[in-house]
Protein backbone atom coordinates (compact mmCIF):
# COMPACT_ATOMS: atom_id res chain seq x y z
CA UNK A 1 0.17 -0.13 -0.05
CA UNK A 2 1.21 3.23 -1.03
CA UNK A 3 1.70 6.36 1.38
CA UNK A 4 -0.82 8.41 0.02
CA UNK A 5 -3.39 5.44 1.24
CA UNK A 6 -1.77 4.83 4.48
CA UNK A 7 -2.33 8.59 5.25
CA UNK A 8 -5.94 8.65 4.46
CA UNK A 9 -6.98 6.10 6.98
CA UNK A 10 -5.39 8.73 9.61
CA UNK A 11 -6.50 11.46 7.87
CA UNK A 12 -6.83 14.24 11.02
CA UNK A 13 -3.51 16.45 10.25
CA UNK A 14 -2.41 16.22 13.84
CA UNK A 15 -2.09 12.57 13.21
CA UNK A 16 -0.40 12.63 9.80
CA UNK A 17 2.99 12.70 10.60
CA UNK A 18 3.19 10.36 13.31
CA UNK A 19 1.29 7.96 10.87
CA UNK A 20 3.62 7.97 8.51
CA UNK A 21 6.62 7.60 10.42
CA UNK A 22 5.22 4.70 11.92
CA UNK A 23 4.44 3.08 8.67
CA UNK A 24 8.13 3.52 8.00
CA UNK A 25 8.84 1.53 11.12
CA UNK A 26 6.59 -0.93 10.84
CA UNK A 27 7.65 -1.53 7.19
CA UNK A 28 11.07 -1.97 8.46
CA UNK A 29 10.57 -3.87 11.39
CA UNK A 30 8.39 -6.13 9.14
CA UNK A 31 11.38 -6.77 6.84
CA UNK A 32 13.46 -7.36 9.69
CA UNK A 33 11.39 -9.73 11.96
CA UNK A 34 10.23 -13.21 11.62
CA UNK A 35 6.39 -13.55 9.89
CA UNK A 36 4.54 -14.34 13.32
CA UNK A 37 4.38 -16.02 16.40
CA UNK A 38 5.16 -19.74 16.11
CA UNK A 39 4.99 -22.38 18.41
CA UNK A 40 7.30 -25.50 17.83
CA UNK A 41 5.60 -28.99 17.68
CA UNK A 42 6.83 -30.82 20.68
CA UNK A 43 6.35 -34.07 19.20
CA UNK A 44 6.75 -33.50 15.36
CA UNK A 45 6.24 -36.71 13.36
CA UNK A 46 4.17 -38.58 10.78
CA UNK A 47 0.38 -37.51 10.92
CA UNK A 48 1.34 -34.39 13.40
CA UNK A 49 -0.23 -31.21 11.97
CA UNK A 50 2.35 -28.57 10.75
CA UNK A 51 3.22 -25.66 13.11
CA UNK A 52 0.76 -23.23 13.52
CA UNK A 53 2.00 -19.14 13.26
CA UNK A 54 -0.15 -16.86 14.12
CA UNK A 55 -0.17 -13.22 11.89
CA UNK A 56 1.61 -10.29 13.47
CA UNK A 57 -1.66 -8.36 13.76
CA UNK A 58 -3.23 -11.61 15.95
CA UNK A 59 -5.22 -10.20 18.51
CA UNK A 60 -4.40 -6.46 18.03
CA UNK A 61 -7.54 -3.69 17.71
CA UNK A 62 -7.85 -0.43 16.47
CA UNK A 63 -5.44 1.68 15.11
CA UNK A 64 -2.46 -0.53 15.85
CA UNK A 65 -4.11 -3.67 14.14
CA UNK A 66 -4.38 -1.54 10.95
CA UNK A 67 -0.89 -0.39 11.37
CA UNK A 68 0.68 -3.81 11.89
CA UNK A 69 -1.14 -5.30 8.93
CA UNK A 70 -0.26 -2.11 6.61
CA UNK A 71 3.65 -2.72 7.86
CA UNK A 72 3.43 -6.00 7.16
CA UNK A 73 1.89 -6.00 3.62
CA UNK A 74 4.46 -3.41 2.63
CA UNK A 75 7.55 -5.70 3.86
CA UNK A 76 8.49 -9.05 2.35
CA UNK A 77 5.43 -10.74 4.74
CA UNK A 78 3.74 -11.59 1.98
CA UNK A 79 6.71 -13.18 0.33
CA UNK A 80 7.19 -15.48 3.27
CA UNK A 81 3.79 -16.44 4.40
CA UNK A 82 1.50 -16.12 1.30
CA UNK A 83 -1.42 -17.80 3.23
CA UNK A 84 -2.01 -14.72 4.43
CA UNK A 85 -2.19 -12.02 2.13
CA UNK A 86 -6.00 -12.35 1.36
CA UNK A 87 -6.68 -12.21 5.07
CA UNK A 88 -4.37 -9.00 5.50
CA UNK A 89 -6.26 -7.30 3.08
CA UNK A 90 -9.48 -8.22 4.35
CA UNK A 91 -8.68 -7.35 7.57
CA UNK A 92 -7.47 -3.78 6.41
CA UNK A 93 -10.54 -3.51 4.18
CA UNK A 94 -12.58 -3.86 6.95
CA UNK A 95 -10.59 -1.54 9.45
CA UNK A 96 -10.98 1.15 6.84
CA UNK A 97 -14.58 1.07 6.51
CA UNK A 98 -15.02 0.77 10.17
CA UNK A 99 -13.04 3.71 10.69
CA UNK A 100 -15.64 6.71 12.40
CA UNK A 101 -13.97 10.21 12.19
CA UNK A 102 -14.53 14.14 11.47
CA UNK A 103 -12.01 14.06 9.02
CA UNK A 104 -14.23 13.74 5.64
CA UNK A 105 -12.10 10.81 4.24
CA UNK A 106 -14.91 8.53 4.27
CA UNK A 107 -15.15 8.05 0.52
CA UNK A 108 -11.50 7.86 -0.01
CA UNK A 109 -11.35 5.14 2.67
CA UNK A 110 -14.09 3.49 1.24
CA UNK A 111 -12.90 3.35 -2.31
CA UNK A 112 -9.68 1.92 -1.35
CA UNK A 113 -11.75 -0.67 1.16
CA UNK A 114 -13.14 -1.69 -2.31
CA UNK A 115 -10.06 -1.89 -4.09
CA UNK A 116 -9.01 -4.48 -1.55
CA UNK A 117 -12.05 -6.43 -1.62
CA UNK A 118 -12.20 -6.74 -5.38
CA UNK A 119 -8.43 -7.65 -5.36
CA UNK A 120 -9.47 -10.59 -3.12
CA UNK A 121 -12.32 -11.95 -5.00
CA UNK A 122 -10.71 -12.06 -8.08
CA UNK A 123 -7.64 -13.84 -6.48
CA UNK A 124 -7.36 -17.46 -7.72
CA UNK A 125 -5.37 -18.00 -4.73
CA UNK A 126 -7.89 -16.99 -2.36
CA UNK A 127 -10.30 -19.47 -0.61
CA UNK A 128 -13.76 -19.87 -0.95
CA UNK A 129 -14.45 -18.30 2.71
CA UNK A 130 -12.07 -15.14 1.83
CA UNK A 131 -14.00 -14.68 -1.36
CA UNK A 132 -17.63 -14.53 0.38
CA UNK A 133 -15.87 -12.19 2.91
CA UNK A 134 -15.03 -9.79 0.31
CA UNK A 135 -18.11 -10.16 -1.45
CA UNK A 136 -19.98 -9.13 1.58
CA UNK A 137 -17.19 -6.52 2.19
CA UNK A 138 -18.20 -5.04 -1.44
CA UNK A 139 -22.09 -5.21 -0.25
CA UNK A 140 -20.61 -2.99 2.56
CA UNK A 141 -18.79 -0.53 0.89
CA UNK A 142 -21.60 0.02 -1.90
CA UNK A 143 -24.01 0.95 0.92
CA UNK A 144 -26.16 -2.23 0.55
CA UNK A 145 -27.49 -1.98 3.86
CA UNK A 146 -25.24 -5.22 5.12
CA UNK A 147 -25.30 -4.72 9.01
CA UNK A 148 -21.75 -4.23 10.70
CA UNK A 149 -22.59 -3.73 14.19
CA UNK A 150 -23.24 -7.24 15.23
CA UNK A 151 -20.45 -9.89 15.50
CA UNK A 152 -22.05 -12.64 13.76
CA UNK A 153 -22.61 -10.04 10.65
CA UNK A 154 -19.12 -9.40 10.29
CA UNK A 155 -18.16 -13.16 10.25
CA UNK A 156 -19.13 -13.67 6.92
CA UNK A 157 -17.26 -17.07 6.28
CA UNK A 158 -19.48 -18.09 8.88
CA UNK A 159 -21.91 -20.97 7.08
CA UNK A 160 -25.55 -19.90 8.12
CA UNK A 161 -27.77 -22.27 10.36
CA UNK A 162 -29.97 -22.90 7.15
CA UNK A 163 -27.13 -24.46 5.50
CA UNK A 164 -27.00 -27.51 7.93
CA UNK A 165 -31.15 -27.40 8.02
CA UNK A 166 -31.00 -26.51 11.96
CA UNK A 167 -33.78 -27.46 14.14
CA UNK A 168 -35.76 -24.56 15.89
CA UNK A 169 -34.49 -23.17 18.55
CA UNK A 170 -36.53 -23.14 21.63
CA UNK A 171 -36.14 -19.99 23.31
CA UNK A 172 -37.76 -20.74 26.52
CA UNK A 173 -34.99 -23.10 27.33
CA UNK A 174 -32.26 -20.40 26.79
CA UNK A 175 -30.96 -17.66 28.24
CA UNK A 176 -30.30 -14.09 26.87
CA UNK A 177 -26.74 -13.08 26.54
CA UNK A 178 -26.15 -10.22 28.64
CA UNK A 179 -23.28 -8.35 29.65
CA UNK A 180 -19.66 -8.60 27.79
CA UNK A 181 -18.20 -11.35 26.09
CA UNK A 182 -15.16 -12.59 28.26
CA UNK A 183 -14.23 -15.79 27.36
CA UNK A 184 -13.64 -18.26 24.35
CA UNK A 185 -13.96 -21.71 24.99
CA UNK A 186 -13.15 -24.47 22.74
CA UNK A 187 -14.25 -28.12 22.83
CA UNK A 188 -14.30 -31.11 20.68
CA UNK A 189 -17.21 -33.13 20.18
CA UNK A 190 -15.93 -36.56 20.94
CA UNK A 191 -18.00 -37.87 18.00
CA UNK A 192 -16.58 -39.94 15.02
CA UNK A 193 -16.46 -37.12 12.29
CA UNK A 194 -16.05 -36.87 8.41
CA UNK A 195 -13.00 -36.01 6.97
CA UNK A 196 -14.03 -32.82 5.45
CA UNK A 197 -14.47 -33.76 1.99
CA UNK A 198 -18.25 -33.45 1.71
CA UNK A 199 -20.38 -30.54 2.86
CA UNK A 200 -23.38 -32.46 3.18
CA UNK A 201 -21.91 -35.36 5.58
CA UNK A 202 -20.54 -32.39 7.66
CA UNK A 203 -23.95 -30.97 7.95
CA UNK A 204 -25.04 -33.99 8.80
CA UNK A 205 -22.31 -34.00 11.86
CA UNK A 206 -23.59 -30.83 13.15
CA UNK A 207 -27.24 -31.74 13.00
CA UNK A 208 -26.01 -34.83 15.21
CA UNK A 209 -24.29 -32.48 17.64
CA UNK A 210 -27.93 -30.37 17.98
CA UNK A 211 -29.93 -33.62 17.97
CA UNK A 212 -27.99 -34.82 21.43
CA UNK A 213 -27.92 -31.13 23.11
CA UNK A 214 -31.89 -30.68 22.43
CA UNK A 215 -32.96 -34.29 23.04
CA UNK A 216 -34.69 -35.72 26.49
CA UNK A 217 -31.20 -36.34 28.07
CA UNK A 218 -30.09 -32.50 28.29
CA UNK A 219 -33.31 -30.58 26.64
CA UNK A 220 -31.14 -27.50 26.05
CA UNK A 221 -32.49 -25.10 23.92
CA UNK A 222 -30.29 -25.21 20.90
CA UNK A 223 -26.86 -26.73 20.21
CA UNK A 224 -25.00 -25.61 22.83
CA UNK A 225 -21.85 -24.10 20.72
CA UNK A 226 -22.04 -20.77 18.98
CA UNK A 227 -19.90 -22.43 16.30
CA UNK A 228 -18.61 -25.82 14.64
CA UNK A 229 -15.79 -26.33 12.69
CA UNK A 230 -15.41 -29.38 10.49
CA UNK A 231 -12.32 -31.16 9.31
CA UNK A 232 -12.49 -29.22 5.93
CA UNK A 233 -12.02 -26.12 7.91
CA UNK A 234 -15.76 -24.87 7.21
CA UNK A 235 -16.95 -23.16 10.39
CA UNK A 236 -20.79 -23.27 11.11
CA UNK A 237 -23.21 -20.92 12.92
CA UNK A 238 -24.33 -23.02 15.93
CA UNK A 239 -26.60 -21.04 18.82
CA UNK A 240 -27.14 -17.57 17.73
CA UNK A 241 -24.62 -15.18 20.06
CA UNK A 242 -27.37 -13.29 21.42
CA UNK A 243 -27.91 -16.36 23.60
CA UNK A 244 -25.93 -17.72 26.45
CA UNK A 245 -24.26 -20.87 25.44
CA UNK A 246 -24.62 -24.64 26.87
CA UNK A 247 -21.07 -25.68 26.70
CA UNK A 248 -19.19 -24.71 30.13
CA UNK A 249 -21.39 -25.78 32.69
CA UNK A 250 -23.41 -23.22 34.90
CA UNK A 251 -22.24 -19.92 35.57
CA UNK A 252 -19.44 -20.87 33.46
CA UNK A 253 -21.49 -20.35 30.29
CA UNK A 254 -21.69 -16.25 31.16
CA UNK A 255 -19.98 -14.40 28.73
CA UNK A 256 -18.55 -17.21 27.36
CA UNK A 257 -18.61 -18.03 23.73
CA UNK A 258 -18.14 -21.74 22.64
CA UNK A 259 -16.54 -23.35 19.69
CA UNK A 260 -16.76 -26.85 18.90
CA UNK A 261 -14.39 -28.78 16.63
CA UNK A 262 -16.16 -31.70 15.32
CA UNK A 263 -14.31 -35.11 16.19
CA UNK A 264 -12.59 -37.22 18.68
CA UNK A 265 -9.26 -35.52 19.33
CA UNK A 266 -8.28 -38.07 21.90
CA UNK A 267 -8.13 -40.68 19.02
CA UNK A 268 -6.98 -38.36 16.34
CA UNK A 269 -5.20 -34.96 15.64
CA UNK A 270 -7.25 -32.12 14.38
CA UNK A 271 -6.61 -31.48 10.48
CA UNK A 272 -4.35 -28.26 9.64
CA UNK A 273 -7.81 -26.94 7.70
CA UNK A 274 -9.88 -27.11 11.23
CA UNK A 275 -6.67 -25.39 13.20
CA UNK A 276 -6.23 -22.64 10.67
CA UNK A 277 -10.23 -21.80 10.81
CA UNK A 278 -9.79 -22.17 14.47
CA UNK A 279 -7.32 -19.62 14.42
CA UNK A 280 -9.14 -17.04 12.06
CA UNK A 281 -12.04 -17.35 14.07
CA UNK A 282 -10.57 -16.78 17.64
CA UNK A 283 -8.71 -13.69 16.30
CA UNK A 284 -12.21 -12.32 14.67
CA UNK A 285 -14.05 -12.98 18.09
CA UNK A 286 -11.36 -10.60 19.75
CA UNK A 287 -12.07 -8.14 17.11
CA UNK A 288 -15.77 -8.11 16.38
CA UNK A 289 -17.21 -9.57 20.16
CA UNK A 290 -15.07 -7.27 21.99
CA UNK A 291 -13.19 -10.97 24.03
CA UNK A 292 -10.21 -10.03 25.76
CA UNK A 293 -6.87 -11.16 24.73
CA UNK A 294 -5.40 -14.00 26.84
CA UNK A 295 -9.14 -15.37 27.59
CA UNK A 296 -9.04 -18.68 25.71
CA UNK A 297 -9.56 -21.70 27.46
CA UNK A 298 -10.27 -25.47 27.01
CA UNK A 299 -13.31 -27.14 28.25
CA UNK A 300 -11.04 -29.14 30.70
CA UNK A 301 -10.31 -25.78 32.48
CA UNK A 302 -13.64 -25.28 33.72
CA UNK A 303 -14.44 -28.88 34.73
CA UNK A 304 -12.76 -32.63 35.23
CA UNK A 305 -13.02 -33.63 31.56
CA UNK A 306 -10.90 -34.60 28.54
CA UNK A 307 -12.44 -32.11 26.38
CA UNK A 308 -11.14 -30.96 23.93
CA UNK A 309 -8.89 -34.18 23.89
CA UNK A 310 -5.01 -34.81 24.49
CA UNK A 311 -4.43 -33.72 20.42
CA UNK A 312 -6.03 -30.51 20.45
CA UNK A 313 -5.49 -29.52 23.97
CA UNK A 314 -1.86 -27.88 23.14
CA UNK A 315 -2.60 -26.05 20.10
CA UNK A 316 -5.48 -24.26 22.33
CA UNK A 317 -3.19 -23.11 25.00
CA UNK A 318 -1.01 -21.54 22.37
CA UNK A 319 -4.14 -19.22 21.64
CA UNK A 320 -4.25 -17.65 25.08
């Protein structure tokens, strides 16, 4: 991104000089530093998922997030980590649209955001989820009335409940979410799941979880998790975020977003695609739902259980 474009993200004159200086420093740091936080695998070997590294802007918010993304794009970051290029463009475009100030630069920021979304939508290396995100962003930038204030509305890669033909929820058996979101808790379904190659089968797996939660033995008002991730990396909408979850036990559910990866990770290892989607979703929930950094937990942190499974708990601990 050129200096003119960066300047318009901080258009007020009193911030412009500091912004340009910071951009140059970030570009220099990006060229010298590693691509992101990386935690080595403790037991590398056949069948073990590759080391999962996180982008440099992971967990950042506001101006710090935009500055870090721009610095990364202007450095050699895209060369070293091409898989993050579309994600960086989308995150920067989202930030440009979200800026609210009285600088009179909204129109220029909107046009720049549209350019970033358009680049992703035509990039043959972008994933389907990234292209869906870009299409959503273009509608926002064009003023098509796409909501921007609700957390779930900003997670445009999440497959809606209609895609897995969810049973109707029973509101009288659920508690409205009140107060801020304070935690994210990761689970595994502990059920045999598909390998992620068939979306229809993955949808049936999500329905199986919902049926178990809404059955007579538990009688929840809906599936207890807010999001579910299959082995192919698809993210499915579970219980709507306007409802408190039913996944961590009693008062532990208050202000606690539940994410469930489909599979039994005491027996098998989660796929790289599922872990990448988990990383993306957690990062986005810090941003759009306001969950404080450092508040990611495994189910076993709340009660005596093996969940999220011995092959997933290490990755969850690295997200804290």
